[in-house]
Amino acid sequence: MTRIRLAACVATLLVGVAFGAAGCGDGENSDTPTTPAEAQPWDPCTLSDEVLLAATLDPATEGPGLSAEPPGWKHCSWDNHDIGAIIGASATAPAEQFRNDPRNFQFQDVVVGGREGFTYLSEIGGEDFCNLVVPFESGGLMNMQVDRSPFTKDETPMCEWAVRVGDGLVAGLPD
């Protein structure tokens, strides 16, 4: 084992011990309220190459998605020769958050890969971008933004692209 790997293992162990020790005691004499751990979002970067290819995305184009990730979200991005897709996931965001945002419009209920969701446009991206939201049964959701490559000659409407990509992605999403 290299020194760096050993140091990382020791640091991880110490952090684990510190958090474990902080949670010890009977709690009867504590003035500090305890809060449950915040649910962690599913990481879209864990999608398999097979799922990405089924969604018409090139696994070799994987990128971080956003330059600044909002708290409680995980993002990843992929491209193909016609479109780019940024896939975000939250363990706690409700679908209503997108439906109630006054900047979002043209909502369309859809079924992708056997799961219910909806597409929408946003003032921020106009008709050059389409978003697809698919809620998870366990809570939270996936929000995917699809945009047209500047090099494509394909004129398929962006929300049709979002549904096409979503049909392939659903097999890799959590329940």
Protein backbone atom coordinates (compact mmCIF):
# COMPACT_ATOMS: atom_id res chain seq x y z
CA MET A 1 0.00 0.00 0.00
CA THR A 2 1.40 3.40 -0.94
CA ARG A 3 1.84 6.15 1.64
CA ILE A 4 -0.93 8.22 0.05
CA ARG A 5 -3.42 5.34 0.14
CA LEU A 6 -2.39 4.56 3.72
CA ALA A 7 -2.83 8.20 4.75
CA ALA A 8 -6.26 8.29 3.06
CA CYS A 9 -7.32 5.13 4.89
CA VAL A 10 -6.13 6.50 8.23
CA ALA A 11 -7.87 9.84 7.63
CA THR A 12 -11.10 8.05 6.72
CA LEU A 13 -10.84 5.92 9.83
CA LEU A 14 -10.23 8.97 12.03
CA VAL A 15 -13.18 10.84 10.53
CA GLY A 16 -15.37 7.77 11.09
CA VAL A 17 -14.21 7.48 14.69
CA ALA A 18 -14.78 11.19 15.29
CA PHE A 19 -18.33 11.02 13.95
CA GLY A 20 -18.98 7.80 15.82
CA ALA A 21 -17.67 9.24 19.08
CA ALA A 22 -19.78 12.35 18.66
CA GLY A 23 -22.87 10.19 18.51
CA CYS A 24 -22.10 8.25 21.71
CA GLY A 25 -23.91 8.71 24.99
CA ASP A 26 -27.42 8.31 26.24
CA GLY A 27 -28.55 11.73 25.02
CA GLU A 28 -30.26 12.54 28.34
CA ASN A 29 -27.88 15.36 29.23
CA SER A 30 -27.32 16.80 25.79
CA ASP A 31 -28.39 20.35 24.98
CA THR A 32 -27.57 19.88 21.28
CA PRO A 33 -30.49 18.70 19.18
CA THR A 34 -29.77 15.81 16.87
CA THR A 35 -30.91 15.86 13.27
CA PRO A 36 -31.19 12.91 10.93
CA ALA A 37 -28.61 12.65 8.17
CA GLU A 38 -29.72 14.37 4.98
CA ALA A 39 -30.65 11.95 2.21
CA GLN A 40 -27.93 11.81 -0.42
CA PRO A 41 -28.93 12.11 -4.08
CA TRP A 42 -28.35 9.33 -6.56
CA ASP A 43 -25.27 10.01 -8.68
CA PRO A 44 -26.10 10.08 -12.43
CA CYS A 45 -22.39 9.52 -13.21
CA THR A 46 -22.95 5.90 -12.13
CA LEU A 47 -25.11 5.16 -15.20
CA SER A 48 -23.69 2.19 -17.09
CA ASP A 49 -22.34 2.46 -20.61
CA GLU A 50 -25.15 0.15 -21.76
CA VAL A 51 -27.82 2.50 -20.38
CA LEU A 52 -26.09 5.55 -21.89
CA LEU A 53 -25.86 3.89 -25.30
CA ALA A 54 -29.55 2.91 -25.10
CA ALA A 55 -30.24 6.59 -24.41
CA THR A 56 -28.22 7.54 -27.55
CA LEU A 57 -25.51 9.19 -25.40
CA ASP A 58 -21.77 8.61 -25.85
CA PRO A 59 -20.22 7.31 -22.59
CA ALA A 60 -16.82 8.75 -23.61
CA THR A 61 -18.21 12.31 -23.42
CA GLU A 62 -18.97 12.19 -19.68
CA GLY A 63 -18.50 15.50 -17.91
CA PRO A 64 -19.40 17.12 -14.59
CA GLY A 65 -22.66 18.67 -15.79
CA LEU A 66 -22.57 21.96 -13.91
CA SER A 67 -19.67 24.18 -12.92
CA ALA A 68 -21.26 24.81 -9.51
CA GLU A 69 -23.44 22.03 -8.14
CA PRO A 70 -26.36 23.20 -5.98
CA PRO A 71 -26.53 21.68 -2.49
CA GLY A 72 -28.45 18.41 -2.41
CA TRP A 73 -27.94 17.66 -6.11
CA LYS A 74 -25.59 15.47 -8.19
CA HIS A 75 -25.05 16.16 -11.90
CA CYS A 76 -23.35 14.56 -14.85
CA SER A 77 -23.41 15.27 -18.60
CA TRP A 78 -23.03 13.41 -21.88
CA ASP A 79 -23.35 14.25 -25.57
CA ASN A 80 -24.04 12.66 -28.90
CA HIS A 81 -23.58 14.25 -32.32
CA ASP A 82 -26.99 16.00 -32.13
CA ILE A 83 -27.58 16.93 -28.49
CA GLY A 84 -26.06 17.37 -25.06
CA ALA A 85 -27.74 16.20 -21.86
CA ILE A 86 -27.15 17.29 -18.27
CA ILE A 87 -28.71 14.88 -15.81
CA GLY A 88 -29.30 16.06 -12.26
CA ALA A 89 -30.68 14.12 -9.32
CA SER A 90 -31.99 15.16 -5.93
CA ALA A 91 -33.14 12.94 -3.07
CA THR A 92 -35.51 15.59 -1.74
CA ALA A 93 -36.65 17.99 -4.51
CA PRO A 94 -40.37 17.73 -5.29
CA ALA A 95 -41.61 17.76 -8.90
CA GLU A 96 -43.87 20.67 -7.97
CA GLN A 97 -40.74 22.82 -7.58
CA PHE A 98 -40.45 22.86 -11.38
CA ARG A 99 -44.17 23.13 -12.11
CA ASN A 100 -44.52 26.09 -9.72
CA ASP A 101 -41.52 28.04 -11.04
CA PRO A 102 -42.97 30.98 -13.04
CA ARG A 103 -40.00 30.81 -15.45
CA ASN A 104 -41.07 27.32 -16.59
CA PHE A 105 -43.82 26.74 -19.14
CA GLN A 106 -45.26 24.39 -21.77
CA PHE A 107 -45.54 21.38 -19.48
CA GLN A 108 -46.31 18.05 -21.13
CA ASP A 109 -47.02 14.86 -19.15
CA VAL A 110 -45.06 11.96 -20.67
CA VAL A 111 -44.30 8.31 -20.06
CA VAL A 112 -40.63 7.35 -20.50
CA GLY A 113 -39.57 3.76 -20.21
CA GLY A 114 -42.84 2.95 -18.44
CA ARG A 115 -42.48 5.73 -15.84
CA GLU A 116 -44.51 8.91 -15.56
CA GLY A 117 -42.82 12.26 -15.81
CA PHE A 118 -43.13 15.57 -17.61
CA THR A 119 -41.25 17.82 -19.97
CA TYR A 120 -41.09 21.59 -19.80
CA LEU A 121 -39.38 24.60 -21.31
CA SER A 122 -37.83 27.42 -19.32
CA GLU A 123 -37.35 31.11 -20.00
CA ILE A 124 -33.69 30.57 -19.22
CA GLY A 125 -33.09 28.33 -22.26
CA GLY A 126 -36.16 28.91 -24.39
CA GLU A 127 -36.94 26.35 -27.07
CA ASP A 128 -33.27 25.47 -27.49
CA PHE A 129 -33.47 23.46 -24.26
CA CYS A 130 -36.02 20.98 -22.95
CA ASN A 131 -36.18 19.53 -19.45
CA LEU A 132 -37.50 16.12 -18.45
CA VAL A 133 -38.46 15.38 -14.84
CA VAL A 134 -38.92 11.80 -13.64
CA PRO A 135 -39.79 11.38 -9.93
CA PHE A 136 -38.36 8.46 -7.93
CA GLU A 137 -40.76 6.30 -5.91
CA SER A 138 -38.32 6.53 -2.99
CA GLY A 139 -38.46 10.34 -3.09
CA GLY A 140 -36.58 12.91 -5.08
CA LEU A 141 -36.24 13.00 -8.84
CA MET A 142 -34.15 13.22 -11.97
CA ASN A 143 -34.19 16.48 -13.93
CA MET A 144 -32.52 16.22 -17.32
CA GLN A 145 -31.82 19.21 -19.57
CA VAL A 146 -31.31 18.49 -23.25
CA ASP A 147 -29.93 21.04 -25.70
CA ARG A 148 -29.12 20.96 -29.40
CA SER A 149 -25.53 20.72 -30.56
CA PRO A 150 -24.53 23.77 -32.62
CA PHE A 151 -23.15 21.34 -35.23
CA THR A 152 -26.28 19.26 -35.82
CA LYS A 153 -28.56 19.45 -38.82
CA ASP A 154 -31.26 17.51 -36.94
CA GLU A 155 -34.34 19.63 -36.36
CA THR A 156 -36.22 17.27 -34.03
CA PRO A 157 -37.96 19.36 -31.32
CA MET A 158 -35.93 19.33 -28.11
CA CYS A 159 -38.70 17.80 -25.98
CA GLU A 160 -38.92 14.88 -28.43
CA TRP A 161 -35.19 14.43 -27.89
CA ALA A 162 -35.67 14.56 -24.12
CA VAL A 163 -38.29 11.78 -24.25
CA ARG A 164 -36.12 9.69 -26.60
CA VAL A 165 -33.11 9.98 -24.27
CA GLY A 166 -35.33 9.45 -21.20
CA ASP A 167 -36.71 6.20 -22.64
CA GLY A 168 -33.18 4.79 -22.65
CA LEU A 169 -32.15 6.22 -19.28
CA VAL A 170 -35.04 4.91 -17.21
CA ALA A 171 -33.49 1.44 -16.93
CA GLY A 172 -30.59 2.98 -15.00
CA LEU A 173 -32.62 5.22 -12.66
CA PRO A 174 -33.38 4.32 -9.05
CA ASP A 175 -36.97 3.42 -8.19
